[in-house]
Amino acid sequence: MKHFEAKNAGNNKTREENPPRYLFERIMDRIWSEKRLTASRRKVVYFSIALGTSLVAFLGACVALQNALFQSELFKALSLIFYDPGAVVSSWRDFGYFVLESLPAISLIGLLAALFVLLV
């Protein structure tokens, strides 16, 4: 029996060795990658919500601009360029003022604001 105990005495060592250094680094890298993944998923959700809202606002602004353009005299004034270009050239300042005054400014501002928000 003593012979057996003496033979196996070297195998009964308690292992109090530290884990390898790369194991700690791999665990920490995995934790950081999970944090980055969670943050990027959150950003994607926020971006998707903002994009959807911006698209809805942009489409609404397009419809509002279309309605305002049809109600204004702008198309009639612009068609005058093709029907009587001589009259437009002779009084180009008055024609330019008329076109600028007949533009639906509020709808254009709304469309440009929605476009700016959509692009940013």
PDB file of N, CA and C in Angstrom:
ATOM      1  N   MET A   1       0.819  -1.174   0.000  1.00  0.00           N
ATOM      2  CA  MET A   1       0.000   0.000   0.000  1.00  0.00           C
ATOM      3  C   MET A   1       0.865   1.240   0.000  1.00  0.00           C
ATOM      4  N   LYS A   2       1.938   1.204   0.760  1.00  0.00           N
ATOM      5  CA  LYS A   2       2.815   2.365   0.797  1.00  0.00           C
ATOM      6  C   LYS A   2       3.447   2.605  -0.554  1.00  0.00           C
ATOM      7  N   HIS A   3       3.693   1.508  -1.268  1.00  0.00           N
ATOM      8  CA  HIS A   3       4.283   1.648  -2.581  1.00  0.00           C
ATOM      9  C   HIS A   3       3.316   2.391  -3.525  1.00  0.00           C
ATOM     10  N   PHE A   4       2.030   2.071  -3.434  1.00  0.00           N
ATOM     11  CA  PHE A   4       1.015   2.724  -4.258  1.00  0.00           C
ATOM     12  C   PHE A   4       0.876   4.207  -3.903  1.00  0.00           C
ATOM     13  N   GLU A   5       0.881   4.507  -2.619  1.00  0.00           N
ATOM     14  CA  GLU A   5       0.778   5.896  -2.191  1.00  0.00           C
ATOM     15  C   GLU A   5       1.991   6.693  -2.609  1.00  0.00           C
ATOM     16  N   ALA A   6       3.136   6.098  -2.548  1.00  0.00           N
ATOM     17  CA  ALA A   6       4.344   6.806  -2.951  1.00  0.00           C
ATOM     18  C   ALA A   6       4.376   7.026  -4.450  1.00  0.00           C
ATOM     19  N   LYS A   7       3.842   6.074  -5.202  1.00  0.00           N
ATOM     20  CA  LYS A   7       3.841   6.180  -6.660  1.00  0.00           C
ATOM     21  C   LYS A   7       2.876   7.263  -7.137  1.00  0.00           C
ATOM     22  N   ASN A   8       1.714   7.386  -6.524  1.00  0.00           N
ATOM     23  CA  ASN A   8       0.694   8.347  -6.934  1.00  0.00           C
ATOM     24  C   ASN A   8       0.769   9.666  -6.171  1.00  0.00           C
ATOM     25  N   ALA A   9       1.749   9.845  -5.358  1.00  0.00           N
ATOM     26  CA  ALA A   9       1.853  11.074  -4.571  1.00  0.00           C
ATOM     27  C   ALA A   9       2.051  12.284  -5.479  1.00  0.00           C
ATOM     28  N   GLY A  10       2.729  12.110  -6.575  1.00  0.00           N
ATOM     29  CA  GLY A  10       2.951  13.224  -7.502  1.00  0.00           C
ATOM     30  C   GLY A  10       1.711  13.604  -8.289  1.00  0.00           C
ATOM     31  N   ASN A  11       0.743  12.703  -8.435  1.00  0.00           N
ATOM     32  CA  ASN A  11      -0.466  12.976  -9.209  1.00  0.00           C
ATOM     33  C   ASN A  11      -1.551  13.657  -8.394  1.00  0.00           C
ATOM     34  N   ASN A  12      -1.456  13.663  -7.088  1.00  0.00           N
ATOM     35  CA  ASN A  12      -2.486  14.244  -6.233  1.00  0.00           C
ATOM     36  C   ASN A  12      -2.209  15.700  -5.893  1.00  0.00           C
ATOM     37  N   LYS A  13      -1.444  16.357  -6.690  1.00  0.00           N
ATOM     38  CA  LYS A  13      -1.163  17.774  -6.434  1.00  0.00           C
ATOM     39  C   LYS A  13      -2.445  18.587  -6.639  1.00  0.00           C
ATOM     40  N   THR A  14      -2.631  19.530  -5.802  1.00  0.00           N
ATOM     41  CA  THR A  14      -3.753  20.437  -6.011  1.00  0.00           C
ATOM     42  C   THR A  14      -3.328  21.477  -7.027  1.00  0.00           C
ATOM     43  N   ARG A  15      -4.196  21.737  -7.966  1.00  0.00           N
ATOM     44  CA  ARG A  15      -3.853  22.684  -9.032  1.00  0.00           C
ATOM     45  C   ARG A  15      -4.271  24.079  -8.599  1.00  0.00           C
ATOM     46  N   GLU A  16      -3.346  24.850  -8.244  1.00  0.00           N
ATOM     47  CA  GLU A  16      -3.601  26.233  -7.880  1.00  0.00           C
ATOM     48  C   GLU A  16      -2.949  27.151  -8.901  1.00  0.00           C
ATOM     49  N   GLU A  17      -2.872  26.696 -10.110  1.00  0.00           N
ATOM     50  CA  GLU A  17      -2.261  27.508 -11.155  1.00  0.00           C
ATOM     51  C   GLU A  17      -3.246  28.583 -11.607  1.00  0.00           C
ATOM     52  N   ASN A  18      -2.733  29.703 -12.001  1.00  0.00           N
ATOM     53  CA  ASN A  18      -3.567  30.772 -12.543  1.00  0.00           C
ATOM     54  C   ASN A  18      -3.959  30.417 -13.975  1.00  0.00           C
ATOM     55  N   PRO A  19      -5.166  30.863 -14.399  1.00  0.00           N
ATOM     56  CA  PRO A  19      -5.537  30.609 -15.795  1.00  0.00           C
ATOM     57  C   PRO A  19      -4.619  31.410 -16.721  1.00  0.00           C
ATOM     58  N   PRO A  20      -4.518  30.986 -17.934  1.00  0.00           N
ATOM     59  CA  PRO A  20      -3.638  31.703 -18.859  1.00  0.00           C
ATOM     60  C   PRO A  20      -4.103  33.142 -19.070  1.00  0.00           C
ATOM     61  N   ARG A  21      -3.177  34.037 -19.382  1.00  0.00           N
ATOM     62  CA  ARG A  21      -3.460  35.476 -19.555  1.00  0.00           C
ATOM     63  C   ARG A  21      -4.395  35.720 -20.739  1.00  0.00           C
ATOM     64  N   TYR A  22      -4.252  34.959 -21.803  1.00  0.00           N
ATOM     65  CA  TYR A  22      -5.084  35.171 -22.986  1.00  0.00           C
ATOM     66  C   TYR A  22      -6.551  34.882 -22.714  1.00  0.00           C
ATOM     67  N   LEU A  23      -6.834  34.031 -21.736  1.00  0.00           N
ATOM     68  CA  LEU A  23      -8.225  33.716 -21.412  1.00  0.00           C
ATOM     69  C   LEU A  23      -8.938  34.951 -20.864  1.00  0.00           C
ATOM     70  N   PHE A  24      -8.315  35.672 -19.982  1.00  0.00           N
ATOM     71  CA  PHE A  24      -8.906  36.902 -19.443  1.00  0.00           C
ATOM     72  C   PHE A  24      -9.106  37.929 -20.554  1.00  0.00           C
ATOM     73  N   GLU A  25      -8.127  38.065 -21.437  1.00  0.00           N
ATOM     74  CA  GLU A  25      -8.245  39.026 -22.542  1.00  0.00           C
ATOM     75  C   GLU A  25      -9.366  38.642 -23.490  1.00  0.00           C
ATOM     76  N   ARG A  26      -9.516  37.353 -23.756  1.00  0.00           N
ATOM     77  CA  ARG A  26     -10.601  36.917 -24.645  1.00  0.00           C
ATOM     78  C   ARG A  26     -11.962  37.179 -24.022  1.00  0.00           C
ATOM     79  N   ILE A  27     -12.071  36.947 -22.713  1.00  0.00           N
ATOM     80  CA  ILE A  27     -13.348  37.204 -22.034  1.00  0.00           C
ATOM     81  C   ILE A  27     -13.670  38.695 -22.055  1.00  0.00           C
ATOM     82  N   MET A  28     -12.682  39.531 -21.779  1.00  0.00           N
ATOM     83  CA  MET A  28     -12.916  40.983 -21.786  1.00  0.00           C
ATOM     84  C   MET A  28     -13.234  41.480 -23.198  1.00  0.00           C
ATOM     85  N   ASP A  29     -12.563  40.947 -24.204  1.00  0.00           N
ATOM     86  CA  ASP A  29     -12.871  41.325 -25.584  1.00  0.00           C
ATOM     87  C   ASP A  29     -14.297  40.947 -25.953  1.00  0.00           C
ATOM     88  N   ARG A  30     -14.729  39.802 -25.506  1.00  0.00           N
ATOM     89  CA  ARG A  30     -16.097  39.370 -25.791  1.00  0.00           C
ATOM     90  C   ARG A  30     -17.117  40.276 -25.099  1.00  0.00           C
ATOM     91  N   ILE A  31     -16.836  40.662 -23.865  1.00  0.00           N
ATOM     92  CA  ILE A  31     -17.736  41.574 -23.142  1.00  0.00           C
ATOM     93  C   ILE A  31     -17.819  42.908 -23.864  1.00  0.00           C
ATOM     94  N   TRP A  32     -16.680  43.455 -24.297  1.00  0.00           N
ATOM     95  CA  TRP A  32     -16.687  44.739 -24.994  1.00  0.00           C
ATOM     96  C   TRP A  32     -17.390  44.638 -26.343  1.00  0.00           C
ATOM     97  N   SER A  33     -17.205  43.520 -27.026  1.00  0.00           N
ATOM     98  CA  SER A  33     -17.887  43.374 -28.317  1.00  0.00           C
ATOM     99  C   SER A  33     -19.396  43.269 -28.125  1.00  0.00           C
ATOM    100  N   GLU A  34     -19.846  42.633 -27.065  1.00  0.00           N
ATOM    101  CA  GLU A  34     -21.286  42.572 -26.778  1.00  0.00           C
ATOM    102  C   GLU A  34     -21.834  43.958 -26.444  1.00  0.00           C
ATOM    103  N   LYS A  35     -21.058  44.742 -25.700  1.00  0.00           N
ATOM    104  CA  LYS A  35     -21.495  46.115 -25.397  1.00  0.00           C
ATOM    105  C   LYS A  35     -21.592  46.945 -26.660  1.00  0.00           C
ATOM    106  N   ARG A  36     -20.605  46.811 -27.538  1.00  0.00           N
ATOM    107  CA  ARG A  36     -20.643  47.555 -28.800  1.00  0.00           C
ATOM    108  C   ARG A  36     -21.806  47.110 -29.665  1.00  0.00           C
ATOM    109  N   LEU A  37     -22.074  45.816 -29.692  1.00  0.00           N
ATOM    110  CA  LEU A  37     -23.188  45.295 -30.474  1.00  0.00           C
ATOM    111  C   LEU A  37     -24.516  45.814 -29.945  1.00  0.00           C
ATOM    112  N   THR A  38     -24.675  45.853 -28.644  1.00  0.00           N
ATOM    113  CA  THR A  38     -25.902  46.381 -28.040  1.00  0.00           C
ATOM    114  C   THR A  38     -26.061  47.864 -28.360  1.00  0.00           C
ATOM    115  N   ALA A  39     -24.972  48.612 -28.279  1.00  0.00           N
ATOM    116  CA  ALA A  39     -25.037  50.042 -28.592  1.00  0.00           C
ATOM    117  C   ALA A  39     -25.361  50.263 -30.063  1.00  0.00           C
ATOM    118  N   SER A  40     -24.779  49.474 -30.936  1.00  0.00           N
ATOM    119  CA  SER A  40     -25.051  49.655 -32.363  1.00  0.00           C
ATOM    120  C   SER A  40     -26.484  49.247 -32.702  1.00  0.00           C
ATOM    121  N   ARG A  41     -27.014  48.229 -32.041  1.00  0.00           N
ATOM    122  CA  ARG A  41     -28.418  47.864 -32.268  1.00  0.00           C
ATOM    123  C   ARG A  41     -29.341  48.989 -31.822  1.00  0.00           C
ATOM    124  N   ARG A  42     -29.030  49.612 -30.696  1.00  0.00           N
ATOM    125  CA  ARG A  42     -29.838  50.724 -30.209  1.00  0.00           C
ATOM    126  C   ARG A  42     -29.793  51.886 -31.213  1.00  0.00           C
ATOM    127  N   LYS A  43     -28.601  52.155 -31.748  1.00  0.00           N
ATOM    128  CA  LYS A  43     -28.480  53.229 -32.731  1.00  0.00           C
ATOM    129  C   LYS A  43     -29.271  52.918 -33.991  1.00  0.00           C
ATOM    130  N   VAL A  44     -29.265  51.673 -34.422  1.00  0.00           N
ATOM    131  CA  VAL A  44     -30.027  51.292 -35.610  1.00  0.00           C
ATOM    132  C   VAL A  44     -31.523  51.490 -35.376  1.00  0.00           C
ATOM    133  N   VAL A  45     -32.001  51.162 -34.198  1.00  0.00           N
ATOM    134  CA  VAL A  45     -33.421  51.346 -33.891  1.00  0.00           C
ATOM    135  C   VAL A  45     -33.772  52.833 -33.901  1.00  0.00           C
ATOM    136  N   TYR A  46     -32.944  53.654 -33.255  1.00  0.00           N
ATOM    137  CA  TYR A  46     -33.198  55.095 -33.246  1.00  0.00           C
ATOM    138  C   TYR A  46     -33.150  55.674 -34.652  1.00  0.00           C
ATOM    139  N   PHE A  47     -32.175  55.239 -35.439  1.00  0.00           N
ATOM    140  CA  PHE A  47     -32.055  55.730 -36.808  1.00  0.00           C
ATOM    141  C   PHE A  47     -33.263  55.322 -37.640  1.00  0.00           C
ATOM    142  N   SER A  48     -33.742  54.105 -37.470  1.00  0.00           N
ATOM    143  CA  SER A  48     -34.903  53.637 -38.229  1.00  0.00           C
ATOM    144  C   SER A  48     -36.153  54.440 -37.880  1.00  0.00           C
ATOM    145  N   ILE A  49     -36.331  54.723 -36.608  1.00  0.00           N
ATOM    146  CA  ILE A  49     -37.492  55.519 -36.192  1.00  0.00           C
ATOM    147  C   ILE A  49     -37.390  56.934 -36.764  1.00  0.00           C
ATOM    148  N   ALA A  50     -36.205  57.527 -36.678  1.00  0.00           N
ATOM    149  CA  ALA A  50     -36.022  58.880 -37.207  1.00  0.00           C
ATOM    150  C   ALA A  50     -36.198  58.914 -38.725  1.00  0.00           C
ATOM    151  N   LEU A  51     -35.700  57.897 -39.414  1.00  0.00           N
ATOM    152  CA  LEU A  51     -35.840  57.845 -40.867  1.00  0.00           C
ATOM    153  C   LEU A  51     -37.299  57.697 -41.268  1.00  0.00           C
ATOM    154  N   GLY A  52     -38.019  56.834 -40.586  1.00  0.00           N
ATOM    155  CA  GLY A  52     -39.445  56.665 -40.896  1.00  0.00           C
ATOM    156  C   GLY A  52     -40.233  57.937 -40.661  1.00  0.00           C
ATOM    157  N   THR A  53     -39.966  58.594 -39.560  1.00  0.00           N
ATOM    158  CA  THR A  53     -40.652  59.851 -39.263  1.00  0.00           C
ATOM    159  C   THR A  53     -40.305  60.923 -40.295  1.00  0.00           C
ATOM    160  N   SER A  54     -39.047  60.996 -40.665  1.00  0.00           N
ATOM    161  CA  SER A  54     -38.624  61.983 -41.655  1.00  0.00           C
ATOM    162  C   SER A  54     -39.246  61.709 -43.020  1.00  0.00           C
ATOM    163  N   LEU A  55     -39.333  60.441 -43.395  1.00  0.00           N
ATOM    164  CA  LEU A  55     -39.961  60.113 -44.677  1.00  0.00           C
ATOM    165  C   LEU A  55     -41.438  60.490 -44.693  1.00  0.00           C
ATOM    166  N   VAL A  56     -42.118  60.229 -43.599  1.00  0.00           N
ATOM    167  CA  VAL A  56     -43.536  60.601 -43.525  1.00  0.00           C
ATOM    168  C   VAL A  56     -43.687  62.119 -43.614  1.00  0.00           C
ATOM    169  N   ALA A  57     -42.825  62.858 -42.907  1.00  0.00           N
ATOM    170  CA  ALA A  57     -42.884  64.323 -42.959  1.00  0.00           C
ATOM    171  C   ALA A  57     -42.542  64.829 -44.362  1.00  0.00           C
ATOM    172  N   PHE A  58     -41.572  64.214 -45.009  1.00  0.00           N
ATOM    173  CA  PHE A  58     -41.188  64.637 -46.358  1.00  0.00           C
ATOM    174  C   PHE A  58     -42.315  64.383 -47.350  1.00  0.00           C
ATOM    175  N   LEU A  59     -42.948  63.224 -47.261  1.00  0.00           N
ATOM    176  CA  LEU A  59     -44.059  62.935 -48.172  1.00  0.00           C
ATOM    177  C   LEU A  59     -45.234  63.876 -47.913  1.00  0.00           C
ATOM    178  N   GLY A  60     -45.500  64.180 -46.651  1.00  0.00           N
ATOM    179  CA  GLY A  60     -46.556  65.147 -46.339  1.00  0.00           C
ATOM    180  C   GLY A  60     -46.245  66.526 -46.881  1.00  0.00           C
ATOM    181  N   ALA A  61     -44.987  66.927 -46.788  1.00  0.00           N
ATOM    182  CA  ALA A  61     -44.590  68.230 -47.324  1.00  0.00           C
ATOM    183  C   ALA A  61     -44.690  68.246 -48.844  1.00  0.00           C
ATOM    184  N   CYS A  62     -44.385  67.127 -49.493  1.00  0.00           N
ATOM    185  CA  CYS A  62     -44.520  67.050 -50.956  1.00  0.00           C
ATOM    186  C   CYS A  62     -45.978  67.201 -51.383  1.00  0.00           C
ATOM    187  N   VAL A  63     -46.861  66.532 -50.671  1.00  0.00           N
ATOM    188  CA  VAL A  63     -48.288  66.634 -50.991  1.00  0.00           C
ATOM    189  C   VAL A  63     -48.789  68.059 -50.747  1.00  0.00           C
ATOM    190  N   ALA A  64     -48.365  68.678 -49.655  1.00  0.00           N
ATOM    191  CA  ALA A  64     -48.777  70.055 -49.357  1.00  0.00           C
ATOM    192  C   ALA A  64     -48.254  71.013 -50.422  1.00  0.00           C
ATOM    193  N   LEU A  65     -47.014  70.826 -50.866  1.00  0.00           N
ATOM    194  CA  LEU A  65     -46.459  71.681 -51.914  1.00  0.00           C
ATOM    195  C   LEU A  65     -47.199  71.478 -53.229  1.00  0.00           C
ATOM    196  N   GLN A  66     -47.520  70.251 -53.551  1.00  0.00           N
ATOM    197  CA  GLN A  66     -48.256  69.979 -54.783  1.00  0.00           C
ATOM    198  C   GLN A  66     -49.617  70.667 -54.767  1.00  0.00           C
ATOM    199  N   ASN A  67     -50.328  70.558 -53.649  1.00  0.00           N
ATOM    200  CA  ASN A  67     -51.635  71.216 -53.538  1.00  0.00           C
ATOM    201  C   ASN A  67     -51.501  72.732 -53.631  1.00  0.00           C
ATOM    202  N   ALA A  68     -50.479  73.289 -52.993  1.00  0.00           N
ATOM    203  CA  ALA A  68     -50.284  74.737 -53.033  1.00  0.00           C
ATOM    204  C   ALA A  68     -49.905  75.205 -54.436  1.00  0.00           C
ATOM    205  N   LEU A  69     -49.113  74.420 -55.145  1.00  0.00           N
ATOM    206  CA  LEU A  69     -48.741  74.807 -56.511  1.00  0.00           C
ATOM    207  C   LEU A  69     -49.945  74.779 -57.444  1.00  0.00           C
ATOM    208  N   PHE A  70     -50.821  73.795 -57.285  1.00  0.00           N
ATOM    209  CA  PHE A  70     -52.003  73.732 -58.139  1.00  0.00           C
ATOM    210  C   PHE A  70     -52.977  74.869 -57.849  1.00  0.00           C
ATOM    211  N   GLN A  71     -53.006  75.361 -56.618  1.00  0.00           N
ATOM    212  CA  GLN A  71     -53.910  76.448 -56.275  1.00  0.00           C
ATOM    213  C   GLN A  71     -53.340  77.815 -56.652  1.00  0.00           C
ATOM    214  N   SER A  72     -52.048  77.905 -56.841  1.00  0.00           N
ATOM    215  CA  SER A  72     -51.456  79.201 -57.174  1.00  0.00           C
ATOM    216  C   SER A  72     -51.530  79.440 -58.681  1.00  0.00           C
ATOM    217  N   GLU A  73     -51.152  80.623 -59.074  1.00  0.00           N
ATOM    218  CA  GLU A  73     -51.157  81.010 -60.489  1.00  0.00           C
ATOM    219  C   GLU A  73     -49.815  80.731 -61.159  1.00  0.00           C
ATOM    220  N   LEU A  74     -48.971  79.970 -60.513  1.00  0.00           N
ATOM    221  CA  LEU A  74     -47.620  79.752 -61.005  1.00  0.00           C
ATOM    222  C   LEU A  74     -47.611  79.012 -62.335  1.00  0.00           C
ATOM    223  N   PHE A  75     -48.421  77.999 -62.504  1.00  0.00           N
ATOM    224  CA  PHE A  75     -48.415  77.240 -63.749  1.00  0.00           C
ATOM    225  C   PHE A  75     -48.920  78.076 -64.918  1.00  0.00           C
ATOM    226  N   LYS A  76     -49.881  78.930 -64.655  1.00  0.00           N
ATOM    227  CA  LYS A  76     -50.360  79.813 -65.720  1.00  0.00           C
ATOM    228  C   LYS A  76     -49.272  80.794 -66.135  1.00  0.00           C
ATOM    229  N   ALA A  77     -48.536  81.309 -65.153  1.00  0.00           N
ATOM    230  CA  ALA A  77     -47.462  82.245 -65.464  1.00  0.00           C
ATOM    231  C   ALA A  77     -46.328  81.552 -66.208  1.00  0.00           C
ATOM    232  N   LEU A  78     -45.992  80.354 -65.797  1.00  0.00           N
ATOM    233  CA  LEU A  78     -44.918  79.635 -66.480  1.00  0.00           C
ATOM    234  C   LEU A  78     -45.324  79.178 -67.873  1.00  0.00           C
ATOM    235  N   SER A  79     -46.596  78.908 -68.086  1.00  0.00           N
ATOM    236  CA  SER A  79     -47.035  78.539 -69.435  1.00  0.00           C
ATOM    237  C   SER A  79     -46.956  79.731 -70.384  1.00  0.00           C
ATOM    238  N   LEU A  80     -46.996  80.942 -69.847  1.00  0.00           N
ATOM    239  CA  LEU A  80     -46.853  82.138 -70.678  1.00  0.00           C
ATOM    240  C   LEU A  80     -45.474  82.192 -71.351  1.00  0.00           C
ATOM    241  N   ILE A  81     -44.475  81.601 -70.740  1.00  0.00           N
ATOM    242  CA  ILE A  81     -43.134  81.560 -71.338  1.00  0.00           C
ATOM    243  C   ILE A  81     -43.176  80.832 -72.678  1.00  0.00           C
ATOM    244  N   PHE A  82     -43.962  79.778 -72.769  1.00  0.00           N
ATOM    245  CA  PHE A  82     -44.026  78.996 -74.002  1.00  0.00           C
ATOM    246  C   PHE A  82     -44.985  79.596 -75.023  1.00  0.00           C
ATOM    247  N   TYR A  83     -46.029  80.265 -74.561  1.00  0.00           N
ATOM    248  CA  TYR A  83     -47.005  80.827 -75.485  1.00  0.00           C
ATOM    249  C   TYR A  83     -46.563  82.171 -76.055  1.00  0.00           C
ATOM    250  N   ASP A  84     -45.988  83.028 -75.241  1.00  0.00           N
ATOM    251  CA  ASP A  84     -45.586  84.363 -75.697  1.00  0.00           C
ATOM    252  C   ASP A  84     -44.252  84.740 -75.047  1.00  0.00           C
ATOM    253  N   PRO A  85     -43.157  84.176 -75.551  1.00  0.00           N
ATOM    254  CA  PRO A  85     -41.860  84.487 -74.946  1.00  0.00           C
ATOM    255  C   PRO A  85     -41.444  85.938 -75.149  1.00  0.00           C
ATOM    256  N   GLY A  86     -41.929  86.579 -76.200  1.00  0.00           N
ATOM    257  CA  GLY A  86     -41.594  87.984 -76.442  1.00  0.00           C
ATOM    258  C   GLY A  86     -42.110  88.886 -75.343  1.00  0.00           C
ATOM    259  N   ALA A  87     -43.342  88.632 -74.886  1.00  0.00           N
ATOM    260  CA  ALA A  87     -43.924  89.436 -73.814  1.00  0.00           C
ATOM    261  C   ALA A  87     -43.173  89.199 -72.499  1.00  0.00           C
ATOM    262  N   VAL A  88     -42.729  87.988 -72.287  1.00  0.00           N
ATOM    263  CA  VAL A  88     -41.988  87.680 -71.063  1.00  0.00           C
ATOM    264  C   VAL A  88     -40.629  88.376 -71.088  1.00  0.00           C
ATOM    265  N   VAL A  89     -39.971  88.358 -72.253  1.00  0.00           N
ATOM    266  CA  VAL A  89     -38.652  88.988 -72.367  1.00  0.00           C
ATOM    267  C   VAL A  89     -38.769  90.504 -72.232  1.00  0.00           C
ATOM    268  N   SER A  90     -39.817  91.081 -72.809  1.00  0.00           N
ATOM    269  CA  SER A  90     -39.947  92.534 -72.754  1.00  0.00           C
ATOM    270  C   SER A  90     -40.237  93.037 -71.328  1.00  0.00           C
ATOM    271  N   SER A  91     -40.949  92.264 -70.559  1.00  0.00           N
ATOM    272  CA  SER A  91     -41.228  92.678 -69.179  1.00  0.00           C
ATOM    273  C   SER A  91     -40.747  91.588 -68.210  1.00  0.00           C
ATOM    274  N   TRP A  92     -39.477  91.261 -68.310  1.00  0.00           N
ATOM    275  CA  TRP A  92     -38.935  90.149 -67.537  1.00  0.00           C
ATOM    276  C   TRP A  92     -38.882  90.444 -66.045  1.00  0.00           C
ATOM    277  N   ARG A  93     -38.688  91.704 -65.671  1.00  0.00           N
ATOM    278  CA  ARG A  93     -38.663  92.020 -64.234  1.00  0.00           C
ATOM    279  C   ARG A  93     -40.035  91.820 -63.596  1.00  0.00           C
ATOM    280  N   ASP A  94     -41.043  92.359 -64.244  1.00  0.00           N
ATOM    281  CA  ASP A  94     -42.401  92.185 -63.710  1.00  0.00           C
ATOM    282  C   ASP A  94     -42.794  90.706 -63.700  1.00  0.00           C
ATOM    283  N   PHE A  95     -42.406  90.003 -64.752  1.00  0.00           N
ATOM    284  CA  PHE A  95     -42.713  88.577 -64.816  1.00  0.00           C
ATOM    285  C   PHE A  95     -41.987  87.824 -63.694  1.00  0.00           C
ATOM    286  N   GLY A  96     -40.737  88.161 -63.460  1.00  0.00           N
ATOM    287  CA  GLY A  96     -39.972  87.531 -62.384  1.00  0.00           C
ATOM    288  C   GLY A  96     -40.588  87.796 -61.021  1.00  0.00           C
ATOM    289  N   TYR A  97     -41.012  89.032 -60.775  1.00  0.00           N
ATOM    290  CA  TYR A  97     -41.667  89.350 -59.501  1.00  0.00           C
ATOM    291  C   TYR A  97     -42.974  88.577 -59.347  1.00  0.00           C
ATOM    292  N   PHE A  98     -43.716  88.481 -60.449  1.00  0.00           N
ATOM    293  CA  PHE A  98     -44.980  87.756 -60.390  1.00  0.00           C
ATOM    294  C   PHE A  98     -44.755  86.274 -60.062  1.00  0.00           C
ATOM    295  N   VAL A  99     -43.748  85.680 -60.698  1.00  0.00           N
ATOM    296  CA  VAL A  99     -43.450  84.268 -60.426  1.00  0.00           C
ATOM    297  C   VAL A  99     -43.014  84.080 -58.974  1.00  0.00           C
ATOM    298  N   LEU A 100     -42.169  84.979 -58.470  1.00  0.00           N
ATOM    299  CA  LEU A 100     -41.725  84.871 -57.079  1.00  0.00           C
ATOM    300  C   LEU A 100     -42.872  85.063 -56.099  1.00  0.00           C
ATOM    301  N   GLU A 101     -43.779  85.985 -56.418  1.00  0.00           N
ATOM    302  CA  GLU A 101     -44.915  86.212 -55.529  1.00  0.00           C
ATOM    303  C   GLU A 101     -45.913  85.066 -55.552  1.00  0.00           C
ATOM    304  N   SER A 102     -45.980  84.363 -56.666  1.00  0.00           N
ATOM    305  CA  SER A 102     -46.959  83.282 -56.755  1.00  0.00           C
ATOM    306  C   SER A 102     -46.422  81.947 -56.237  1.00  0.00           C
ATOM    307  N   LEU A 103     -45.140  81.907 -55.865  1.00  0.00           N
ATOM    308  CA  LEU A 103     -44.592  80.689 -55.276  1.00  0.00           C
ATOM    309  C   LEU A 103     -45.183  80.467 -53.877  1.00  0.00           C
ATOM    310  N   PRO A 104     -45.556  79.256 -53.565  1.00  0.00           N
ATOM    311  CA  PRO A 104     -46.037  78.966 -52.202  1.00  0.00           C
ATOM    312  C   PRO A 104     -44.835  78.826 -51.258  1.00  0.00           C
ATOM    313  N   ALA A 105     -44.452  79.906 -50.623  1.00  0.00           N
ATOM    314  CA  ALA A 105     -43.217  79.953 -49.829  1.00  0.00           C
ATOM    315  C   ALA A 105     -43.276  79.051 -48.601  1.00  0.00           C
ATOM    316  N   ILE A 106     -44.396  79.039 -47.921  1.00  0.00           N
ATOM    317  CA  ILE A 106     -44.499  78.232 -46.701  1.00  0.00           C
ATOM    318  C   ILE A 106     -44.364  76.743 -47.034  1.00  0.00           C
ATOM    319  N   SER A 107     -44.990  76.320 -48.112  1.00  0.00           N
ATOM    320  CA  SER A 107     -44.890  74.909 -48.498  1.00  0.00           C
ATOM    321  C   SER A 107     -43.469  74.570 -48.939  1.00  0.00           C
ATOM    322  N   LEU A 108     -42.810  75.488 -49.634  1.00  0.00           N
ATOM    323  CA  LEU A 108     -41.417  75.260 -50.028  1.00  0.00           C
ATOM    324  C   LEU A 108     -40.499  75.176 -48.813  1.00  0.00           C
ATOM    325  N   ILE A 109     -40.719  76.040 -47.849  1.00  0.00           N
ATOM    326  CA  ILE A 109     -39.914  75.999 -46.624  1.00  0.00           C
ATOM    327  C   ILE A 109     -40.141  74.681 -45.889  1.00  0.00           C
ATOM    328  N   GLY A 110     -41.389  74.245 -45.815  1.00  0.00           N
ATOM    329  CA  GLY A 110     -41.689  72.969 -45.173  1.00  0.00           C
ATOM    330  C   GLY A 110     -41.039  71.802 -45.892  1.00  0.00           C
ATOM    331  N   LEU A 111     -41.062  71.826 -47.219  1.00  0.00           N
ATOM    332  CA  LEU A 111     -40.427  70.757 -47.990  1.00  0.00           C
ATOM    333  C   LEU A 111     -38.917  70.760 -47.794  1.00  0.00           C
ATOM    334  N   LEU A 112     -38.304  71.926 -47.820  1.00  0.00           N
ATOM    335  CA  LEU A 112     -36.860  72.006 -47.629  1.00  0.00           C
ATOM    336  C   LEU A 112     -36.450  71.608 -46.211  1.00  0.00           C
ATOM    337  N   ALA A 113     -37.261  71.966 -45.234  1.00  0.00           N
ATOM    338  CA  ALA A 113     -36.963  71.561 -43.847  1.00  0.00           C
ATOM    339  C   ALA A 113     -37.066  70.042 -43.691  1.00  0.00           C
ATOM    340  N   ALA A 114     -38.095  69.445 -44.281  1.00  0.00           N
ATOM    341  CA  ALA A 114     -38.245  67.985 -44.201  1.00  0.00           C
ATOM    342  C   ALA A 114     -37.113  67.296 -44.952  1.00  0.00           C
ATOM    343  N   LEU A 115     -36.696  67.864 -46.074  1.00  0.00           N
ATOM    344  CA  LEU A 115     -35.581  67.298 -46.829  1.00  0.00           C
ATOM    345  C   LEU A 115     -34.282  67.406 -46.048  1.00  0.00           C
ATOM    346  N   PHE A 116     -34.087  68.523 -45.372  1.00  0.00           N
ATOM    347  CA  PHE A 116     -32.877  68.703 -44.550  1.00  0.00           C
ATOM    348  C   PHE A 116     -32.830  67.692 -43.413  1.00  0.00           C
ATOM    349  N   VAL A 117     -33.956  67.507 -42.748  1.00  0.00           N
ATOM    350  CA  VAL A 117     -34.009  66.533 -41.646  1.00  0.00           C
ATOM    351  C   VAL A 117     -33.792  65.114 -42.184  1.00  0.00           C
ATOM    352  N   LEU A 118     -34.326  64.831 -43.353  1.00  0.00           N
ATOM    353  CA  LEU A 118     -34.163  63.509 -43.941  1.00  0.00           C
ATOM    354  C   LEU A 118     -32.703  63.238 -44.306  1.00  0.00           C
ATOM    355  N   LEU A 119     -32.011  64.249 -44.810  1.00  0.00           N
ATOM    356  CA  LEU A 119     -30.627  64.052 -45.228  1.00  0.00           C
ATOM    357  C   LEU A 119     -29.652  64.083 -44.062  1.00  0.00           C
ATOM    358  N   VAL A 120     -30.004  64.773 -42.998  1.00  0.00           N
ATOM    359  CA  VAL A 120     -29.094  64.836 -41.855  1.00  0.00           C
ATOM    360  C   VAL A 120     -29.383  63.681 -40.979  1.00  0.00           C
TER     361      VAL A 120
END
